[in-house]
Amino acid sequence: LNRMFQAALEVGKRVRSETELGTRPMSVASAGVKLAERIFGKLSERKALVLGAGTISEQVIVKLRGRGIAQLLVMNRSHERADKLAAEFGGTVVPWGEWDAALQSPDVIVSSVASEDPVLGHKILERAMDARGNRALFLMDLGLPRNIDPAAADLYNVYLYNLDDLGGI
């Protein structure tokens, strides 16, 4: 058994040194933020809305702040948790459910909410796009099950990426 473990460790070391496996690890949050940069260029003139205040949302906020996002909005069902996250990262809290007001200004929306049904439906996003004058909108759906209605990808100038899309990157 000892020889088997030693051989397994040797093979692991060999794989790491002779292949590119593990040379560029990237989180889903990093992949999403890089995609947003491809669409918008520098994020220093952009605004982001983060739905949810859990660990994943915090990871995305760290990446967004690291890439210089100009303005950060946080929306969560628990106002206390949203307040705490917004205070920690210099953001502003938006009351949960005020979709028409909240969706008009951000360029990037990240959703990581525990919900059985989509939080952002097609109709809500369609109204938002009308109010925005169809300005480009990047949606990052990090929820399981999905937080954003997949039909939203059919809307003009909406770029929707979910966990599967980002995991492939």
C-alpha atoms as a PDB file:
ATOM      1  CA  LEU A   1       0.000   0.000   0.000  1.00  0.00           C
ATOM      2  CA  ASN A   2       2.883   2.367   0.802  1.00  0.00           C
ATOM      3  CA  ARG A   3       4.471   1.775  -2.628  1.00  0.00           C
ATOM      4  CA  MET A   4       1.112   2.450  -4.293  1.00  0.00           C
ATOM      5  CA  PHE A   5       0.789   5.854  -2.559  1.00  0.00           C
ATOM      6  CA  GLN A   6       4.385   6.760  -3.396  1.00  0.00           C
ATOM      7  CA  ALA A   7       3.748   5.886  -7.057  1.00  0.00           C
ATOM      8  CA  ALA A   8       0.554   7.972  -7.068  1.00  0.00           C
ATOM      9  CA  LEU A   9       2.427  10.993  -5.670  1.00  0.00           C
ATOM     10  CA  GLU A  10       5.172  10.577  -8.280  1.00  0.00           C
ATOM     11  CA  VAL A  11       2.633  10.416 -11.095  1.00  0.00           C
ATOM     12  CA  GLY A  12       0.899  13.517  -9.727  1.00  0.00           C
ATOM     13  CA  LYS A  13       4.154  15.453  -9.662  1.00  0.00           C
ATOM     14  CA  ARG A  14       5.007  14.284 -13.152  1.00  0.00           C
ATOM     15  CA  VAL A  15       1.615  15.351 -14.532  1.00  0.00           C
ATOM     16  CA  ARG A  16       2.002  18.812 -13.002  1.00  0.00           C
ATOM     17  CA  SER A  17       5.531  19.283 -14.335  1.00  0.00           C
ATOM     18  CA  GLU A  18       5.059  17.794 -17.828  1.00  0.00           C
ATOM     19  CA  THR A  19       1.607  19.158 -18.696  1.00  0.00           C
ATOM     20  CA  GLU A  20      -0.163  22.503 -18.311  1.00  0.00           C
ATOM     21  CA  LEU A  21      -2.688  21.046 -15.896  1.00  0.00           C
ATOM     22  CA  GLY A  22      -3.203  23.526 -13.080  1.00  0.00           C
ATOM     23  CA  THR A  23      -0.920  26.217 -14.482  1.00  0.00           C
ATOM     24  CA  ARG A  24      -3.670  28.802 -14.877  1.00  0.00           C
ATOM     25  CA  PRO A  25      -6.421  28.042 -12.389  1.00  0.00           C
ATOM     26  CA  MET A  26      -9.352  30.413 -12.704  1.00  0.00           C
ATOM     27  CA  SER A  27     -12.436  30.697 -10.581  1.00  0.00           C
ATOM     28  CA  VAL A  28     -15.896  31.136 -12.046  1.00  0.00           C
ATOM     29  CA  ALA A  29     -15.896  34.656 -10.588  1.00  0.00           C
ATOM     30  CA  SER A  30     -12.647  35.493 -12.393  1.00  0.00           C
ATOM     31  CA  ALA A  31     -13.935  34.066 -15.665  1.00  0.00           C
ATOM     32  CA  GLY A  32     -17.133  36.122 -15.414  1.00  0.00           C
ATOM     33  CA  VAL A  33     -15.306  39.364 -14.674  1.00  0.00           C
ATOM     34  CA  LYS A  34     -12.897  38.754 -17.567  1.00  0.00           C
ATOM     35  CA  LEU A  35     -15.857  38.227 -19.904  1.00  0.00           C
ATOM     36  CA  ALA A  36     -17.414  41.479 -18.688  1.00  0.00           C
ATOM     37  CA  GLU A  37     -14.132  43.226 -19.532  1.00  0.00           C
ATOM     38  CA  ARG A  38     -14.212  41.753 -23.026  1.00  0.00           C
ATOM     39  CA  ILE A  39     -17.659  43.233 -23.566  1.00  0.00           C
ATOM     40  CA  PHE A  40     -17.173  46.631 -21.912  1.00  0.00           C
ATOM     41  CA  GLY A  41     -13.433  47.145 -21.919  1.00  0.00           C
ATOM     42  CA  LYS A  42     -12.223  48.732 -18.687  1.00  0.00           C
ATOM     43  CA  LEU A  43     -14.694  48.406 -15.834  1.00  0.00           C
ATOM     44  CA  SER A  44     -13.591  51.686 -14.266  1.00  0.00           C
ATOM     45  CA  GLU A  45     -16.515  53.489 -15.898  1.00  0.00           C
ATOM     46  CA  ARG A  46     -19.092  50.768 -15.244  1.00  0.00           C
ATOM     47  CA  LYS A  47     -21.624  49.936 -12.567  1.00  0.00           C
ATOM     48  CA  ALA A  48     -22.364  46.478 -11.138  1.00  0.00           C
ATOM     49  CA  LEU A  49     -25.361  45.113  -9.251  1.00  0.00           C
ATOM     50  CA  VAL A  50     -24.772  41.993  -7.153  1.00  0.00           C
ATOM     51  CA  LEU A  51     -27.828  39.973  -6.140  1.00  0.00           C
ATOM     52  CA  GLY A  52     -27.090  37.979  -3.007  1.00  0.00           C
ATOM     53  CA  ALA A  53     -24.697  38.497  -0.132  1.00  0.00           C
ATOM     54  CA  GLY A  54     -23.123  35.079   0.339  1.00  0.00           C
ATOM     55  CA  THR A  55     -19.622  33.756  -0.191  1.00  0.00           C
ATOM     56  CA  ILE A  56     -19.876  33.580  -3.985  1.00  0.00           C
ATOM     57  CA  SER A  57     -21.187  37.139  -4.192  1.00  0.00           C
ATOM     58  CA  GLU A  58     -18.301  38.280  -2.025  1.00  0.00           C
ATOM     59  CA  GLN A  59     -15.779  36.530  -4.312  1.00  0.00           C
ATOM     60  CA  VAL A  60     -17.261  38.266  -7.350  1.00  0.00           C
ATOM     61  CA  ILE A  61     -17.205  41.636  -5.587  1.00  0.00           C
ATOM     62  CA  VAL A  62     -13.526  41.155  -4.734  1.00  0.00           C
ATOM     63  CA  LYS A  63     -12.802  40.456  -8.420  1.00  0.00           C
ATOM     64  CA  LEU A  64     -14.905  43.419  -9.589  1.00  0.00           C
ATOM     65  CA  ARG A  65     -13.209  45.780  -7.131  1.00  0.00           C
ATOM     66  CA  GLY A  66      -9.828  44.395  -8.178  1.00  0.00           C
ATOM     67  CA  ARG A  67     -10.643  45.298 -11.775  1.00  0.00           C
ATOM     68  CA  GLY A  68     -11.700  48.817 -10.769  1.00  0.00           C
ATOM     69  CA  ILE A  69     -15.496  48.700 -11.054  1.00  0.00           C
ATOM     70  CA  ALA A  70     -16.694  52.288 -10.660  1.00  0.00           C
ATOM     71  CA  GLN A  71     -19.870  51.711  -8.679  1.00  0.00           C
ATOM     72  CA  LEU A  72     -21.168  48.714  -6.742  1.00  0.00           C
ATOM     73  CA  LEU A  73     -24.778  48.033  -5.809  1.00  0.00           C
ATOM     74  CA  VAL A  74     -25.780  45.156  -3.510  1.00  0.00           C
ATOM     75  CA  MET A  75     -29.278  43.685  -3.288  1.00  0.00           C
ATOM     76  CA  ASN A  76     -30.230  40.879  -0.906  1.00  0.00           C
ATOM     77  CA  ARG A  77     -33.405  39.649   0.773  1.00  0.00           C
ATOM     78  CA  SER A  78     -31.723  40.191   4.142  1.00  0.00           C
ATOM     79  CA  HIS A  79     -31.066  43.917   4.356  1.00  0.00           C
ATOM     80  CA  GLU A  80     -28.546  43.386   7.198  1.00  0.00           C
ATOM     81  CA  ARG A  81     -26.331  41.086   5.115  1.00  0.00           C
ATOM     82  CA  ALA A  82     -26.506  43.413   2.121  1.00  0.00           C
ATOM     83  CA  ASP A  83     -25.598  46.340   4.369  1.00  0.00           C
ATOM     84  CA  LYS A  84     -22.602  44.486   5.805  1.00  0.00           C
ATOM     85  CA  LEU A  85     -21.272  43.478   2.365  1.00  0.00           C
ATOM     86  CA  ALA A  86     -21.836  46.941   0.896  1.00  0.00           C
ATOM     87  CA  ALA A  87     -20.064  48.593   3.833  1.00  0.00           C
ATOM     88  CA  GLU A  88     -17.108  46.226   3.556  1.00  0.00           C
ATOM     89  CA  PHE A  89     -16.561  46.898  -0.150  1.00  0.00           C
ATOM     90  CA  GLY A  90     -17.744  50.476  -0.560  1.00  0.00           C
ATOM     91  CA  GLY A  91     -21.066  49.684  -2.180  1.00  0.00           C
ATOM     92  CA  THR A  92     -24.635  50.909  -1.937  1.00  0.00           C
ATOM     93  CA  VAL A  93     -27.582  48.796  -0.818  1.00  0.00           C
ATOM     94  CA  VAL A  94     -30.619  48.564  -3.078  1.00  0.00           C
ATOM     95  CA  PRO A  95     -33.855  47.278  -1.482  1.00  0.00           C
ATOM     96  CA  TRP A  96     -34.804  43.760  -2.556  1.00  0.00           C
ATOM     97  CA  GLY A  97     -37.443  43.525  -5.246  1.00  0.00           C
ATOM     98  CA  GLU A  98     -37.275  47.088  -6.579  1.00  0.00           C
ATOM     99  CA  TRP A  99     -36.366  45.734 -10.007  1.00  0.00           C
ATOM    100  CA  ASP A 100     -37.498  48.606 -12.204  1.00  0.00           C
ATOM    101  CA  ALA A 101     -35.277  51.109 -10.393  1.00  0.00           C
ATOM    102  CA  ALA A 102     -32.386  48.723  -9.714  1.00  0.00           C
ATOM    103  CA  LEU A 103     -31.965  47.392 -13.263  1.00  0.00           C
ATOM    104  CA  GLN A 104     -31.876  50.710 -15.110  1.00  0.00           C
ATOM    105  CA  SER A 105     -28.294  51.730 -14.407  1.00  0.00           C
ATOM    106  CA  PRO A 106     -25.948  48.721 -13.941  1.00  0.00           C
ATOM    107  CA  ASP A 107     -23.898  47.370 -16.817  1.00  0.00           C
ATOM    108  CA  VAL A 108     -23.059  44.123 -15.029  1.00  0.00           C
ATOM    109  CA  ILE A 109     -25.510  42.079 -12.939  1.00  0.00           C
ATOM    110  CA  VAL A 110     -24.307  39.100 -10.939  1.00  0.00           C
ATOM    111  CA  SER A 111     -26.847  36.800  -9.323  1.00  0.00           C
ATOM    112  CA  SER A 112     -26.021  34.240  -6.654  1.00  0.00           C
ATOM    113  CA  VAL A 113     -29.219  33.730  -4.692  1.00  0.00           C
ATOM    114  CA  ALA A 114     -30.728  30.607  -3.134  1.00  0.00           C
ATOM    115  CA  SER A 115     -34.046  30.388  -4.948  1.00  0.00           C
ATOM    116  CA  GLU A 116     -36.129  27.622  -6.509  1.00  0.00           C
ATOM    117  CA  ASP A 117     -37.442  29.933  -9.230  1.00  0.00           C
ATOM    118  CA  PRO A 118     -35.605  32.490 -11.362  1.00  0.00           C
ATOM    119  CA  VAL A 119     -35.234  35.817  -9.563  1.00  0.00           C
ATOM    120  CA  LEU A 120     -34.922  37.770 -12.799  1.00  0.00           C
ATOM    121  CA  GLY A 121     -37.584  36.795 -15.296  1.00  0.00           C
ATOM    122  CA  HIS A 122     -37.788  37.584 -18.982  1.00  0.00           C
ATOM    123  CA  LYS A 123     -40.504  40.239 -18.517  1.00  0.00           C
ATOM    124  CA  ILE A 124     -38.575  42.098 -15.802  1.00  0.00           C
ATOM    125  CA  LEU A 125     -35.450  42.188 -17.964  1.00  0.00           C
ATOM    126  CA  GLU A 126     -37.433  43.168 -21.056  1.00  0.00           C
ATOM    127  CA  ARG A 127     -38.863  46.184 -19.181  1.00  0.00           C
ATOM    128  CA  ALA A 128     -35.403  47.036 -17.904  1.00  0.00           C
ATOM    129  CA  MET A 129     -33.887  46.927 -21.388  1.00  0.00           C
ATOM    130  CA  ASP A 130     -36.627  49.240 -22.685  1.00  0.00           C
ATOM    131  CA  ALA A 131     -35.970  51.681 -19.835  1.00  0.00           C
ATOM    132  CA  ARG A 132     -32.208  51.498 -20.504  1.00  0.00           C
ATOM    133  CA  GLY A 133     -32.597  52.232 -24.198  1.00  0.00           C
ATOM    134  CA  ASN A 134     -31.215  48.738 -24.945  1.00  0.00           C
ATOM    135  CA  ARG A 135     -27.759  49.623 -23.568  1.00  0.00           C
ATOM    136  CA  ALA A 136     -25.607  46.477 -23.275  1.00  0.00           C
ATOM    137  CA  LEU A 137     -26.232  44.374 -20.167  1.00  0.00           C
ATOM    138  CA  PHE A 138     -23.951  41.578 -18.936  1.00  0.00           C
ATOM    139  CA  LEU A 139     -25.684  38.981 -16.746  1.00  0.00           C
ATOM    140  CA  MET A 140     -23.717  36.454 -14.715  1.00  0.00           C
ATOM    141  CA  ASP A 141     -25.973  33.718 -13.271  1.00  0.00           C
ATOM    142  CA  LEU A 142     -24.087  31.872 -10.537  1.00  0.00           C
ATOM    143  CA  GLY A 143     -27.156  30.313  -8.920  1.00  0.00           C
ATOM    144  CA  LEU A 144     -28.167  26.677  -8.767  1.00  0.00           C
ATOM    145  CA  PRO A 145     -30.905  26.289  -9.763  1.00  0.00           C
ATOM    146  CA  ARG A 146     -30.678  29.167 -12.209  1.00  0.00           C
ATOM    147  CA  ASN A 147     -31.470  32.678 -10.934  1.00  0.00           C
ATOM    148  CA  ILE A 148     -32.021  34.268 -14.341  1.00  0.00           C
ATOM    149  CA  ASP A 149     -34.551  33.082 -16.894  1.00  0.00           C
ATOM    150  CA  PRO A 150     -32.560  31.561 -19.797  1.00  0.00           C
ATOM    151  CA  ALA A 151     -34.989  33.228 -22.244  1.00  0.00           C
ATOM    152  CA  ALA A 152     -33.368  36.553 -21.276  1.00  0.00           C
ATOM    153  CA  ALA A 153     -30.464  35.638 -23.567  1.00  0.00           C
ATOM    154  CA  ASP A 154     -32.818  36.243 -26.508  1.00  0.00           C
ATOM    155  CA  LEU A 155     -33.170  39.921 -25.621  1.00  0.00           C
ATOM    156  CA  TYR A 156     -31.248  42.393 -27.758  1.00  0.00           C
ATOM    157  CA  ASN A 157     -27.864  43.427 -26.298  1.00  0.00           C
ATOM    158  CA  VAL A 158     -28.162  41.067 -23.297  1.00  0.00           C
ATOM    159  CA  TYR A 159     -25.186  38.803 -22.628  1.00  0.00           C
ATOM    160  CA  LEU A 160     -26.182  35.976 -20.276  1.00  0.00           C
ATOM    161  CA  TYR A 161     -23.621  33.535 -18.892  1.00  0.00           C
ATOM    162  CA  ASN A 162     -24.402  30.813 -16.347  1.00  0.00           C
ATOM    163  CA  LEU A 163     -22.228  28.447 -14.286  1.00  0.00           C
ATOM    164  CA  ASP A 164     -21.913  25.968 -17.147  1.00  0.00           C
ATOM    165  CA  ASP A 165     -20.717  28.657 -19.557  1.00  0.00           C
ATOM    166  CA  LEU A 166     -18.207  30.082 -17.097  1.00  0.00           C
ATOM    167  CA  GLY A 167     -17.041  26.653 -15.922  1.00  0.00           C
ATOM    168  CA  GLY A 168     -16.104  25.818 -19.507  1.00  0.00           C
ATOM    169  CA  ILE A 169     -13.772  28.803 -19.566  1.00  0.00           C
END
